[in-house]
Amino acid sequence: MAIFRKNDTTAHAFDAPTAALEDISGDYTIDASHSRLGFSARHAMVTTVRGQFTDWSGTAHVDTADPAASSVSLTIRTASIDTGNADRDAHLASADFFDAENHPEITFVSTHVTRDGADWTIAGDLTIKGVTQPVTIEFESTGSAQDPFGYLRIGFEGGTSINRKDWGLTWNAALETGGVLVSEKIKLDFDVSAIRNA
């Protein structure tokens, strides 16, 4: 029986990334079933609520020689928001927040891509509730692999923070002890697996 000591970092590490190809250039379809578009927000100033979108699709063009020629596009079904609580999800989908009935999709379209080794920076336009604002997301390549079905997969992890008020998501409630119920700052985190098109 293995015993992990407090300072043994191997207890918390995933397997080392693979590199099926050095040059991963090509056109890709994002595999949403093996990816995650997540977010987190502070609730009542004391805890963090996490969630994700479960219905979305995306494509990417990767050019390692000329990163500026790379691009990413995402379309997210607003009503697919999932925080693990049906009442909270219904409130988030309502006109108080995302207004999914009138704005059924959230989109992201890249405008500029840069690369520094395994690190990629993707700037683009994020549209929520009819409002478009620029965002910049830092990504780290997590490797490439040939899966058992013969597909080439690439992986990236990344994240950024946004202020939801910039997209007109302003609903809140004051707390008797000071502060508000929902933080304005929202952290976004992404785990992305993409399959190169045949």
N, C-alpha and C. Protein backbone atom coordinates (compact mmCIF):
# COMPACT_ATOMS: atom_id res chain seq x y z
N MET A 1 0.85 -1.19 0.00
CA MET A 1 0.00 0.00 0.00
C MET A 1 0.88 1.24 0.00
N ALA A 2 0.63 2.12 -0.97
CA ALA A 2 1.45 3.32 -1.09
C ALA A 2 1.01 4.37 -0.07
N ILE A 3 1.96 5.05 0.50
CA ILE A 3 1.68 6.12 1.44
C ILE A 3 2.26 7.41 0.86
N PHE A 4 1.41 8.42 0.71
CA PHE A 4 1.86 9.70 0.17
C PHE A 4 2.13 10.66 1.32
N ARG A 5 3.33 11.16 1.38
CA ARG A 5 3.69 12.12 2.42
C ARG A 5 3.28 13.52 2.00
N LYS A 6 3.22 14.41 2.96
CA LYS A 6 2.74 15.77 2.75
C LYS A 6 3.49 16.48 1.64
N ASN A 7 4.79 16.31 1.55
CA ASN A 7 5.60 17.02 0.58
C ASN A 7 5.84 16.23 -0.70
N ASP A 8 5.12 15.10 -0.86
CA ASP A 8 5.28 14.26 -2.04
C ASP A 8 4.35 14.76 -3.14
N THR A 9 4.90 15.54 -4.07
CA THR A 9 4.07 16.15 -5.12
C THR A 9 3.53 15.12 -6.10
N THR A 10 4.09 13.92 -6.14
CA THR A 10 3.59 12.91 -7.08
C THR A 10 2.17 12.50 -6.76
N ALA A 11 1.73 12.74 -5.54
CA ALA A 11 0.37 12.38 -5.16
C ALA A 11 -0.67 13.24 -5.88
N HIS A 12 -0.25 14.41 -6.36
CA HIS A 12 -1.19 15.36 -6.96
C HIS A 12 -0.94 15.58 -8.44
N ALA A 13 0.02 14.86 -9.03
CA ALA A 13 0.40 15.11 -10.41
C ALA A 13 -0.31 14.13 -11.34
N PHE A 14 -0.71 14.63 -12.51
CA PHE A 14 -1.23 13.77 -13.55
C PHE A 14 -0.06 13.13 -14.28
N ASP A 15 -0.37 12.16 -15.16
CA ASP A 15 0.67 11.58 -15.99
C ASP A 15 1.30 12.66 -16.86
N ALA A 16 2.54 12.45 -17.23
CA ALA A 16 3.24 13.44 -18.06
C ALA A 16 2.55 13.56 -19.41
N PRO A 17 2.51 14.77 -19.98
CA PRO A 17 1.88 14.95 -21.29
C PRO A 17 2.64 14.20 -22.37
N THR A 18 1.92 13.80 -23.42
CA THR A 18 2.54 13.12 -24.54
C THR A 18 2.71 14.11 -25.69
N ALA A 19 3.51 13.71 -26.66
CA ALA A 19 3.72 14.55 -27.84
C ALA A 19 3.73 13.64 -29.07
N ALA A 20 2.55 13.37 -29.62
CA ALA A 20 2.46 12.52 -30.80
C ALA A 20 3.08 13.19 -32.01
N LEU A 21 2.97 14.54 -32.07
CA LEU A 21 3.53 15.32 -33.16
C LEU A 21 4.18 16.56 -32.61
N GLU A 22 5.31 16.96 -33.19
CA GLU A 22 5.92 18.22 -32.83
C GLU A 22 5.15 19.39 -33.44
N ASP A 23 4.70 19.19 -34.70
CA ASP A 23 3.95 20.23 -35.39
C ASP A 23 2.47 19.83 -35.39
N ILE A 24 1.69 20.54 -34.58
CA ILE A 24 0.26 20.21 -34.44
C ILE A 24 -0.61 21.08 -35.34
N SER A 25 0.00 21.74 -36.32
CA SER A 25 -0.75 22.62 -37.21
C SER A 25 -1.88 21.87 -37.91
N GLY A 26 -3.01 22.56 -38.09
CA GLY A 26 -4.12 21.96 -38.80
C GLY A 26 -5.44 22.53 -38.33
N ASP A 27 -6.52 21.98 -38.89
CA ASP A 27 -7.88 22.37 -38.51
C ASP A 27 -8.45 21.34 -37.55
N TYR A 28 -9.11 21.83 -36.50
CA TYR A 28 -9.60 20.97 -35.43
C TYR A 28 -11.06 21.25 -35.10
N THR A 29 -11.71 20.20 -34.63
CA THR A 29 -13.03 20.32 -34.02
C THR A 29 -12.89 20.04 -32.54
N ILE A 30 -13.38 20.94 -31.71
CA ILE A 30 -13.25 20.75 -30.27
C ILE A 30 -14.19 19.63 -29.82
N ASP A 31 -13.66 18.72 -29.03
CA ASP A 31 -14.42 17.59 -28.50
C ASP A 31 -15.04 18.00 -27.17
N ALA A 32 -16.27 18.52 -27.24
CA ALA A 32 -16.91 19.06 -26.03
C ALA A 32 -17.13 17.99 -24.98
N SER A 33 -17.27 16.72 -25.39
CA SER A 33 -17.52 15.66 -24.42
C SER A 33 -16.30 15.35 -23.58
N HIS A 34 -15.13 15.80 -24.01
CA HIS A 34 -13.90 15.61 -23.24
C HIS A 34 -13.24 16.95 -22.91
N SER A 35 -14.06 17.99 -22.87
CA SER A 35 -13.57 19.33 -22.55
C SER A 35 -14.48 19.96 -21.51
N ARG A 36 -14.06 21.09 -20.98
CA ARG A 36 -14.87 21.78 -19.98
C ARG A 36 -14.73 23.29 -20.14
N LEU A 37 -15.89 23.97 -20.19
CA LEU A 37 -15.93 25.42 -20.12
C LEU A 37 -16.49 25.77 -18.75
N GLY A 38 -15.64 26.12 -17.83
CA GLY A 38 -16.06 26.31 -16.45
C GLY A 38 -15.97 27.76 -16.00
N PHE A 39 -16.61 28.04 -14.88
CA PHE A 39 -16.56 29.37 -14.28
C PHE A 39 -16.74 29.24 -12.79
N SER A 40 -16.34 30.28 -12.06
CA SER A 40 -16.55 30.32 -10.62
C SER A 40 -16.80 31.75 -10.19
N ALA A 41 -17.60 31.90 -9.14
CA ALA A 41 -17.93 33.21 -8.59
C ALA A 41 -18.04 33.09 -7.09
N ARG A 42 -17.76 34.18 -6.40
CA ARG A 42 -17.92 34.20 -4.95
C ARG A 42 -19.40 34.38 -4.61
N HIS A 43 -19.87 33.66 -3.61
CA HIS A 43 -21.26 33.74 -3.18
C HIS A 43 -21.30 34.19 -1.73
N ALA A 44 -22.09 35.25 -1.47
CA ALA A 44 -22.25 35.79 -0.13
C ALA A 44 -20.92 36.18 0.50
N MET A 45 -19.93 36.41 -0.33
CA MET A 45 -18.61 36.87 0.10
C MET A 45 -17.82 35.83 0.90
N VAL A 46 -18.35 34.60 1.01
CA VAL A 46 -17.68 33.64 1.88
C VAL A 46 -17.32 32.33 1.20
N THR A 47 -17.91 32.02 0.06
CA THR A 47 -17.62 30.74 -0.57
C THR A 47 -17.58 30.91 -2.08
N THR A 48 -17.15 29.88 -2.78
CA THR A 48 -17.06 29.91 -4.24
C THR A 48 -18.03 28.90 -4.84
N VAL A 49 -18.84 29.37 -5.76
CA VAL A 49 -19.74 28.49 -6.51
C VAL A 49 -19.14 28.26 -7.89
N ARG A 50 -19.09 27.00 -8.30
CA ARG A 50 -18.51 26.65 -9.59
C ARG A 50 -19.57 26.06 -10.51
N GLY A 51 -19.38 26.26 -11.80
CA GLY A 51 -20.32 25.73 -12.76
C GLY A 51 -19.67 25.56 -14.11
N GLN A 52 -20.48 25.17 -15.08
CA GLN A 52 -19.98 24.96 -16.43
C GLN A 52 -21.15 25.03 -17.41
N PHE A 53 -20.82 25.09 -18.68
CA PHE A 53 -21.81 24.97 -19.73
C PHE A 53 -21.66 23.58 -20.34
N THR A 54 -22.79 22.92 -20.57
CA THR A 54 -22.75 21.51 -20.99
C THR A 54 -23.08 21.31 -22.46
N ASP A 55 -23.57 22.34 -23.16
CA ASP A 55 -23.94 22.21 -24.57
C ASP A 55 -23.25 23.32 -25.35
N TRP A 56 -22.20 22.96 -26.07
CA TRP A 56 -21.44 23.94 -26.81
C TRP A 56 -20.62 23.25 -27.90
N SER A 57 -20.11 24.02 -28.82
CA SER A 57 -19.29 23.47 -29.90
C SER A 57 -18.25 24.50 -30.30
N GLY A 58 -17.21 24.04 -30.97
CA GLY A 58 -16.17 24.97 -31.37
C GLY A 58 -15.22 24.37 -32.38
N THR A 59 -14.51 25.25 -33.06
CA THR A 59 -13.49 24.86 -34.02
C THR A 59 -12.23 25.67 -33.77
N ALA A 60 -11.12 25.16 -34.27
CA ALA A 60 -9.85 25.87 -34.13
C ALA A 60 -8.98 25.59 -35.33
N HIS A 61 -8.23 26.60 -35.73
CA HIS A 61 -7.16 26.42 -36.72
C HIS A 61 -5.86 26.74 -36.00
N VAL A 62 -4.94 25.79 -36.00
CA VAL A 62 -3.66 25.94 -35.31
C VAL A 62 -2.55 26.04 -36.34
N ASP A 63 -1.74 27.08 -36.22
CA ASP A 63 -0.58 27.27 -37.09
C ASP A 63 0.61 27.55 -36.20
N THR A 64 1.45 26.54 -36.00
CA THR A 64 2.58 26.70 -35.08
C THR A 64 3.67 27.58 -35.68
N ALA A 65 3.80 27.60 -37.01
CA ALA A 65 4.83 28.41 -37.65
C ALA A 65 4.44 29.88 -37.67
N ASP A 66 3.14 30.13 -37.81
CA ASP A 66 2.63 31.50 -37.85
C ASP A 66 1.43 31.58 -36.91
N PRO A 67 1.68 31.68 -35.60
CA PRO A 67 0.58 31.65 -34.63
C PRO A 67 -0.50 32.69 -34.90
N ALA A 68 -0.14 33.82 -35.48
CA ALA A 68 -1.12 34.86 -35.76
C ALA A 68 -2.17 34.39 -36.77
N ALA A 69 -1.85 33.36 -37.53
CA ALA A 69 -2.81 32.79 -38.49
C ALA A 69 -3.75 31.79 -37.83
N SER A 70 -3.54 31.51 -36.56
CA SER A 70 -4.42 30.59 -35.82
C SER A 70 -5.73 31.29 -35.46
N SER A 71 -6.76 30.50 -35.18
CA SER A 71 -8.06 31.08 -34.83
C SER A 71 -8.89 30.08 -34.04
N VAL A 72 -9.86 30.61 -33.28
CA VAL A 72 -10.76 29.80 -32.46
C VAL A 72 -12.15 30.41 -32.53
N SER A 73 -13.16 29.55 -32.58
CA SER A 73 -14.54 30.00 -32.56
C SER A 73 -15.37 29.06 -31.69
N LEU A 74 -16.18 29.63 -30.78
CA LEU A 74 -17.03 28.85 -29.88
C LEU A 74 -18.46 29.34 -29.93
N THR A 75 -19.41 28.41 -29.83
CA THR A 75 -20.82 28.74 -29.68
C THR A 75 -21.36 27.93 -28.50
N ILE A 76 -21.92 28.63 -27.51
CA ILE A 76 -22.38 28.01 -26.27
C ILE A 76 -23.89 28.21 -26.14
N ARG A 77 -24.61 27.15 -25.83
CA ARG A 77 -26.04 27.26 -25.57
C ARG A 77 -26.23 27.79 -24.15
N THR A 78 -26.76 28.99 -24.05
CA THR A 78 -26.86 29.68 -22.76
C THR A 78 -27.61 28.87 -21.72
N ALA A 79 -28.70 28.22 -22.13
CA ALA A 79 -29.54 27.48 -21.19
C ALA A 79 -28.88 26.23 -20.65
N SER A 80 -27.70 25.88 -21.17
CA SER A 80 -27.02 24.67 -20.69
C SER A 80 -26.18 24.94 -19.44
N ILE A 81 -26.33 26.12 -18.85
CA ILE A 81 -25.57 26.42 -17.63
C ILE A 81 -25.90 25.43 -16.53
N ASP A 82 -24.87 24.96 -15.83
CA ASP A 82 -25.04 23.91 -14.82
C ASP A 82 -24.13 24.20 -13.62
N THR A 83 -24.77 24.55 -12.50
CA THR A 83 -24.02 24.77 -11.26
C THR A 83 -24.33 23.72 -10.21
N GLY A 84 -25.07 22.69 -10.62
CA GLY A 84 -25.41 21.63 -9.68
C GLY A 84 -26.63 21.92 -8.83
N ASN A 85 -27.35 23.02 -9.14
CA ASN A 85 -28.55 23.38 -8.39
C ASN A 85 -29.59 23.90 -9.39
N ALA A 86 -30.70 23.19 -9.55
CA ALA A 86 -31.69 23.52 -10.58
C ALA A 86 -32.28 24.92 -10.39
N ASP A 87 -32.58 25.31 -9.15
CA ASP A 87 -33.15 26.63 -8.91
C ASP A 87 -32.16 27.73 -9.27
N ARG A 88 -30.90 27.55 -8.90
CA ARG A 88 -29.88 28.55 -9.23
C ARG A 88 -29.67 28.61 -10.74
N ASP A 89 -29.66 27.46 -11.40
CA ASP A 89 -29.48 27.44 -12.85
C ASP A 89 -30.62 28.17 -13.55
N ALA A 90 -31.85 27.97 -13.07
CA ALA A 90 -33.01 28.64 -13.65
C ALA A 90 -32.90 30.16 -13.47
N HIS A 91 -32.42 30.59 -12.31
CA HIS A 91 -32.24 32.02 -12.07
C HIS A 91 -31.17 32.59 -12.99
N LEU A 92 -30.07 31.86 -13.17
CA LEU A 92 -29.00 32.34 -14.05
C LEU A 92 -29.46 32.42 -15.50
N ALA A 93 -30.35 31.52 -15.91
CA ALA A 93 -30.86 31.52 -17.28
C ALA A 93 -31.95 32.57 -17.49
N SER A 94 -32.46 33.13 -16.40
CA SER A 94 -33.56 34.10 -16.48
C SER A 94 -33.06 35.47 -16.93
N ALA A 95 -34.02 36.40 -17.09
CA ALA A 95 -33.68 37.76 -17.53
C ALA A 95 -32.82 38.50 -16.51
N ASP A 96 -32.78 38.05 -15.24
CA ASP A 96 -31.91 38.68 -14.25
C ASP A 96 -30.44 38.56 -14.63
N PHE A 97 -30.12 37.46 -15.33
CA PHE A 97 -28.73 37.23 -15.71
C PHE A 97 -28.60 37.07 -17.22
N PHE A 98 -28.58 35.83 -17.72
CA PHE A 98 -28.26 35.58 -19.13
C PHE A 98 -29.43 35.76 -20.10
N ASP A 99 -30.67 35.73 -19.60
CA ASP A 99 -31.84 35.88 -20.46
C ASP A 99 -31.76 34.92 -21.64
N ALA A 100 -31.68 33.63 -21.31
CA ALA A 100 -31.47 32.59 -22.33
C ALA A 100 -32.59 32.53 -23.36
N GLU A 101 -33.81 32.92 -22.97
CA GLU A 101 -34.92 32.87 -23.91
C GLU A 101 -34.71 33.83 -25.07
N ASN A 102 -34.21 35.01 -24.79
CA ASN A 102 -33.97 36.01 -25.84
C ASN A 102 -32.55 36.02 -26.37
N HIS A 103 -31.63 35.41 -25.63
CA HIS A 103 -30.23 35.34 -26.05
C HIS A 103 -29.75 33.90 -25.87
N PRO A 104 -30.16 33.02 -26.78
CA PRO A 104 -29.92 31.59 -26.59
C PRO A 104 -28.46 31.17 -26.75
N GLU A 105 -27.61 32.05 -27.28
CA GLU A 105 -26.22 31.66 -27.51
C GLU A 105 -25.24 32.68 -26.95
N ILE A 106 -24.14 32.17 -26.45
CA ILE A 106 -22.96 32.95 -26.09
C ILE A 106 -21.89 32.58 -27.12
N THR A 107 -21.18 33.56 -27.66
CA THR A 107 -20.17 33.24 -28.67
C THR A 107 -18.82 33.86 -28.32
N PHE A 108 -17.79 33.21 -28.81
CA PHE A 108 -16.43 33.74 -28.72
C PHE A 108 -15.77 33.55 -30.08
N VAL A 109 -15.18 34.62 -30.61
CA VAL A 109 -14.45 34.56 -31.87
C VAL A 109 -13.10 35.23 -31.66
N SER A 110 -12.04 34.51 -31.92
CA SER A 110 -10.70 35.06 -31.70
C SER A 110 -10.41 36.18 -32.69
N THR A 111 -9.60 37.12 -32.25
CA THR A 111 -9.15 38.22 -33.11
C THR A 111 -7.64 38.25 -33.26
N HIS A 112 -6.91 37.61 -32.32
CA HIS A 112 -5.45 37.62 -32.39
C HIS A 112 -4.91 36.48 -31.53
N VAL A 113 -3.91 35.78 -32.06
CA VAL A 113 -3.30 34.65 -31.35
C VAL A 113 -1.79 34.83 -31.36
N THR A 114 -1.16 34.63 -30.20
CA THR A 114 0.30 34.64 -30.11
C THR A 114 0.75 33.39 -29.37
N ARG A 115 2.03 33.06 -29.53
CA ARG A 115 2.58 31.85 -28.91
C ARG A 115 3.96 32.14 -28.36
N ASP A 116 4.23 31.54 -27.19
CA ASP A 116 5.56 31.60 -26.58
C ASP A 116 5.86 30.21 -26.04
N GLY A 117 6.51 29.40 -26.86
CA GLY A 117 6.78 28.02 -26.47
C GLY A 117 5.48 27.24 -26.38
N ALA A 118 5.22 26.66 -25.19
CA ALA A 118 3.99 25.89 -24.98
C ALA A 118 2.81 26.78 -24.57
N ASP A 119 3.08 28.07 -24.40
CA ASP A 119 2.04 29.00 -23.95
C ASP A 119 1.44 29.76 -25.13
N TRP A 120 0.12 29.82 -25.16
CA TRP A 120 -0.60 30.52 -26.21
C TRP A 120 -1.48 31.58 -25.57
N THR A 121 -1.58 32.74 -26.22
CA THR A 121 -2.47 33.80 -25.77
C THR A 121 -3.49 34.05 -26.87
N ILE A 122 -4.77 33.91 -26.51
CA ILE A 122 -5.84 34.08 -27.48
C ILE A 122 -6.69 35.27 -27.05
N ALA A 123 -6.70 36.30 -27.89
CA ALA A 123 -7.55 37.46 -27.67
C ALA A 123 -8.75 37.34 -28.61
N GLY A 124 -9.91 37.77 -28.14
CA GLY A 124 -11.08 37.67 -29.00
C GLY A 124 -12.27 38.42 -28.45
N ASP A 125 -13.38 38.31 -29.16
CA ASP A 125 -14.62 38.97 -28.80
C ASP A 125 -15.59 37.97 -28.17
N LEU A 126 -15.98 38.25 -26.94
CA LEU A 126 -16.94 37.43 -26.22
C LEU A 126 -18.28 38.16 -26.21
N THR A 127 -19.32 37.51 -26.74
CA THR A 127 -20.64 38.11 -26.81
C THR A 127 -21.60 37.38 -25.87
N ILE A 128 -22.14 38.13 -24.91
CA ILE A 128 -23.10 37.60 -23.94
C ILE A 128 -24.27 38.58 -23.89
N LYS A 129 -25.46 38.05 -24.03
CA LYS A 129 -26.67 38.87 -23.91
C LYS A 129 -26.64 40.05 -24.87
N GLY A 130 -26.11 39.82 -26.07
CA GLY A 130 -26.08 40.85 -27.09
C GLY A 130 -24.98 41.88 -26.93
N VAL A 131 -24.14 41.74 -25.92
CA VAL A 131 -23.05 42.68 -25.67
C VAL A 131 -21.72 42.00 -25.99
N THR A 132 -20.90 42.68 -26.79
CA THR A 132 -19.60 42.13 -27.18
C THR A 132 -18.49 42.93 -26.52
N GLN A 133 -17.59 42.20 -25.85
CA GLN A 133 -16.44 42.82 -25.20
C GLN A 133 -15.20 41.97 -25.48
N PRO A 134 -14.01 42.61 -25.53
CA PRO A 134 -12.78 41.84 -25.75
C PRO A 134 -12.34 41.12 -24.48
N VAL A 135 -11.80 39.92 -24.66
CA VAL A 135 -11.19 39.17 -23.56
C VAL A 135 -9.89 38.55 -24.06
N THR A 136 -8.99 38.32 -23.14
CA THR A 136 -7.72 37.66 -23.46
C THR A 136 -7.56 36.46 -22.54
N ILE A 137 -7.26 35.31 -23.12
CA ILE A 137 -7.17 34.06 -22.37
C ILE A 137 -5.78 33.47 -22.57
N GLU A 138 -5.13 33.13 -21.46
CA GLU A 138 -3.83 32.48 -21.50
C GLU A 138 -4.03 30.97 -21.46
N PHE A 139 -3.41 30.27 -22.41
CA PHE A 139 -3.51 28.81 -22.49
C PHE A 139 -2.12 28.19 -22.42
N GLU A 140 -2.09 26.98 -21.87
CA GLU A 140 -0.87 26.17 -21.88
C GLU A 140 -1.18 24.87 -22.61
N SER A 141 -0.33 24.50 -23.54
CA SER A 141 -0.51 23.23 -24.25
C SER A 141 -0.27 22.08 -23.29
N THR A 142 -1.18 21.10 -23.30
CA THR A 142 -1.02 19.92 -22.44
C THR A 142 -0.62 18.69 -23.24
N GLY A 143 -0.28 18.89 -24.51
CA GLY A 143 0.27 17.80 -25.30
C GLY A 143 -0.60 17.39 -26.47
N SER A 144 -0.14 16.36 -27.16
CA SER A 144 -0.87 15.77 -28.27
C SER A 144 -0.78 14.26 -28.17
N ALA A 145 -1.78 13.59 -28.72
CA ALA A 145 -1.80 12.13 -28.61
C ALA A 145 -2.62 11.54 -29.75
N GLN A 146 -2.24 10.33 -30.14
CA GLN A 146 -3.04 9.55 -31.08
C GLN A 146 -3.92 8.64 -30.24
N ASP A 147 -5.25 8.83 -30.34
CA ASP A 147 -6.14 8.03 -29.49
C ASP A 147 -6.36 6.64 -30.11
N PRO A 148 -7.00 5.71 -29.38
CA PRO A 148 -7.17 4.34 -29.88
C PRO A 148 -8.00 4.24 -31.16
N PHE A 149 -8.69 5.32 -31.53
CA PHE A 149 -9.53 5.30 -32.72
C PHE A 149 -8.83 5.93 -33.93
N GLY A 150 -7.56 6.28 -33.74
CA GLY A 150 -6.78 6.81 -34.84
C GLY A 150 -6.84 8.31 -35.01
N TYR A 151 -7.47 9.00 -34.06
CA TYR A 151 -7.59 10.46 -34.17
C TYR A 151 -6.43 11.15 -33.46
N LEU A 152 -5.95 12.23 -34.05
CA LEU A 152 -4.95 13.05 -33.38
C LEU A 152 -5.66 14.06 -32.50
N ARG A 153 -5.31 14.07 -31.23
CA ARG A 153 -5.91 14.99 -30.27
C ARG A 153 -4.84 15.94 -29.73
N ILE A 154 -5.27 17.18 -29.49
CA ILE A 154 -4.40 18.12 -28.79
C ILE A 154 -5.16 18.67 -27.59
N GLY A 155 -4.42 19.08 -26.58
CA GLY A 155 -5.06 19.57 -25.36
C GLY A 155 -4.48 20.89 -24.90
N PHE A 156 -5.35 21.71 -24.31
CA PHE A 156 -4.94 23.00 -23.76
C PHE A 156 -5.70 23.26 -22.47
N GLU A 157 -5.04 23.93 -21.53
CA GLU A 157 -5.69 24.40 -20.31
C GLU A 157 -5.45 25.90 -20.20
N GLY A 158 -6.48 26.63 -19.76
CA GLY A 158 -6.31 28.07 -19.65
C GLY A 158 -7.37 28.71 -18.79
N GLY A 159 -7.25 30.02 -18.66
CA GLY A 159 -8.22 30.73 -17.86
C GLY A 159 -8.02 32.23 -17.92
N THR A 160 -9.02 32.94 -17.41
CA THR A 160 -8.96 34.39 -17.31
C THR A 160 -10.03 34.84 -16.33
N SER A 161 -10.08 36.11 -16.04
CA SER A 161 -11.12 36.68 -15.18
C SER A 161 -11.80 37.81 -15.91
N ILE A 162 -13.10 37.94 -15.71
CA ILE A 162 -13.87 39.02 -16.33
C ILE A 162 -14.76 39.67 -15.26
N ASN A 163 -15.25 40.87 -15.56
CA ASN A 163 -16.25 41.52 -14.73
C ASN A 163 -17.59 41.38 -15.44
N ARG A 164 -18.53 40.67 -14.83
CA ARG A 164 -19.80 40.36 -15.50
C ARG A 164 -20.60 41.62 -15.83
N LYS A 165 -20.37 42.72 -15.11
CA LYS A 165 -21.10 43.95 -15.39
C LYS A 165 -20.77 44.52 -16.77
N ASP A 166 -19.60 44.16 -17.29
CA ASP A 166 -19.21 44.62 -18.63
C ASP A 166 -20.14 44.07 -19.70
N TRP A 167 -20.86 42.99 -19.38
CA TRP A 167 -21.81 42.39 -20.33
C TRP A 167 -23.26 42.62 -19.90
N GLY A 168 -23.47 43.56 -19.00
CA GLY A 168 -24.82 43.88 -18.56
C GLY A 168 -25.41 42.88 -17.59
N LEU A 169 -24.59 42.04 -17.00
CA LEU A 169 -25.06 41.07 -16.00
C LEU A 169 -24.91 41.72 -14.62
N THR A 170 -25.88 42.55 -14.27
CA THR A 170 -25.73 43.43 -13.12
C THR A 170 -26.54 43.03 -11.90
N TRP A 171 -27.40 42.01 -12.01
CA TRP A 171 -28.26 41.66 -10.87
C TRP A 171 -27.41 41.34 -9.64
N ASN A 172 -27.90 41.80 -8.48
CA ASN A 172 -27.24 41.47 -7.23
C ASN A 172 -28.19 41.74 -6.08
N ALA A 173 -27.77 41.37 -4.89
CA ALA A 173 -28.53 41.64 -3.68
C ALA A 173 -27.54 42.00 -2.58
N ALA A 174 -27.85 43.05 -1.85
CA ALA A 174 -26.97 43.50 -0.77
C ALA A 174 -27.10 42.59 0.44
N LEU A 175 -26.01 42.42 1.16
CA LEU A 175 -26.00 41.64 2.39
C LEU A 175 -26.10 42.57 3.59
N GLU A 176 -26.80 42.14 4.62
CA GLU A 176 -26.94 42.96 5.83
C GLU A 176 -25.60 43.25 6.47
N THR A 177 -24.66 42.33 6.29
CA THR A 177 -23.34 42.49 6.90
C THR A 177 -22.37 43.27 6.01
N GLY A 178 -22.88 43.76 4.87
CA GLY A 178 -22.02 44.46 3.93
C GLY A 178 -21.64 43.56 2.78
N GLY A 179 -21.35 44.17 1.63
CA GLY A 179 -21.02 43.38 0.46
C GLY A 179 -22.26 42.94 -0.30
N VAL A 180 -22.07 42.06 -1.25
CA VAL A 180 -23.16 41.63 -2.12
C VAL A 180 -23.21 40.11 -2.19
N LEU A 181 -24.34 39.61 -2.73
CA LEU A 181 -24.56 38.17 -2.78
C LEU A 181 -23.67 37.48 -3.81
N VAL A 182 -23.49 38.12 -4.98
CA VAL A 182 -22.73 37.50 -6.07
C VAL A 182 -21.61 38.44 -6.49
N SER A 183 -20.40 37.92 -6.59
CA SER A 183 -19.26 38.75 -6.96
C SER A 183 -19.40 39.24 -8.40
N GLU A 184 -18.85 40.43 -8.65
CA GLU A 184 -18.80 40.92 -10.02
C GLU A 184 -17.71 40.21 -10.81
N LYS A 185 -16.61 39.87 -10.15
CA LYS A 185 -15.52 39.16 -10.81
C LYS A 185 -15.88 37.70 -10.99
N ILE A 186 -15.73 37.22 -12.22
CA ILE A 186 -15.98 35.83 -12.55
C ILE A 186 -14.70 35.23 -13.11
N LYS A 187 -14.30 34.10 -12.58
CA LYS A 187 -13.14 33.40 -13.11
C LYS A 187 -13.61 32.36 -14.14
N LEU A 188 -12.97 32.35 -15.29
CA LEU A 188 -13.26 31.38 -16.34
C LEU A 188 -12.11 30.40 -16.43
N ASP A 189 -12.42 29.12 -16.57
CA ASP A 189 -11.36 28.13 -16.74
C ASP A 189 -11.75 27.13 -17.81
N PHE A 190 -10.75 26.71 -18.57
CA PHE A 190 -10.98 25.88 -19.75
C PHE A 190 -10.04 24.69 -19.76
N ASP A 191 -10.60 23.52 -20.02
CA ASP A 191 -9.84 22.31 -20.32
C ASP A 191 -10.35 21.84 -21.67
N VAL A 192 -9.49 21.90 -22.68
CA VAL A 192 -9.96 21.71 -24.05
C VAL A 192 -9.21 20.55 -24.72
N SER A 193 -10.00 19.65 -25.30
CA SER A 193 -9.46 18.59 -26.14
C SER A 193 -10.03 18.79 -27.54
N ALA A 194 -9.16 18.80 -28.55
CA ALA A 194 -9.62 19.01 -29.92
C ALA A 194 -9.09 17.90 -30.82
N ILE A 195 -9.90 17.52 -31.79
CA ILE A 195 -9.55 16.44 -32.72
C ILE A 195 -9.24 17.04 -34.08
N ARG A 196 -8.09 16.67 -34.65
CA ARG A 196 -7.75 17.21 -35.97
C ARG A 196 -8.66 16.63 -37.04
N ASN A 197 -9.16 17.51 -37.89
CA ASN A 197 -10.07 17.07 -38.94
C ASN A 197 -9.35 16.18 -39.94
N ALA A 198 -10.07 15.23 -40.48
CA ALA A 198 -9.47 14.30 -41.46
C ALA A 198 -9.15 15.03 -42.77
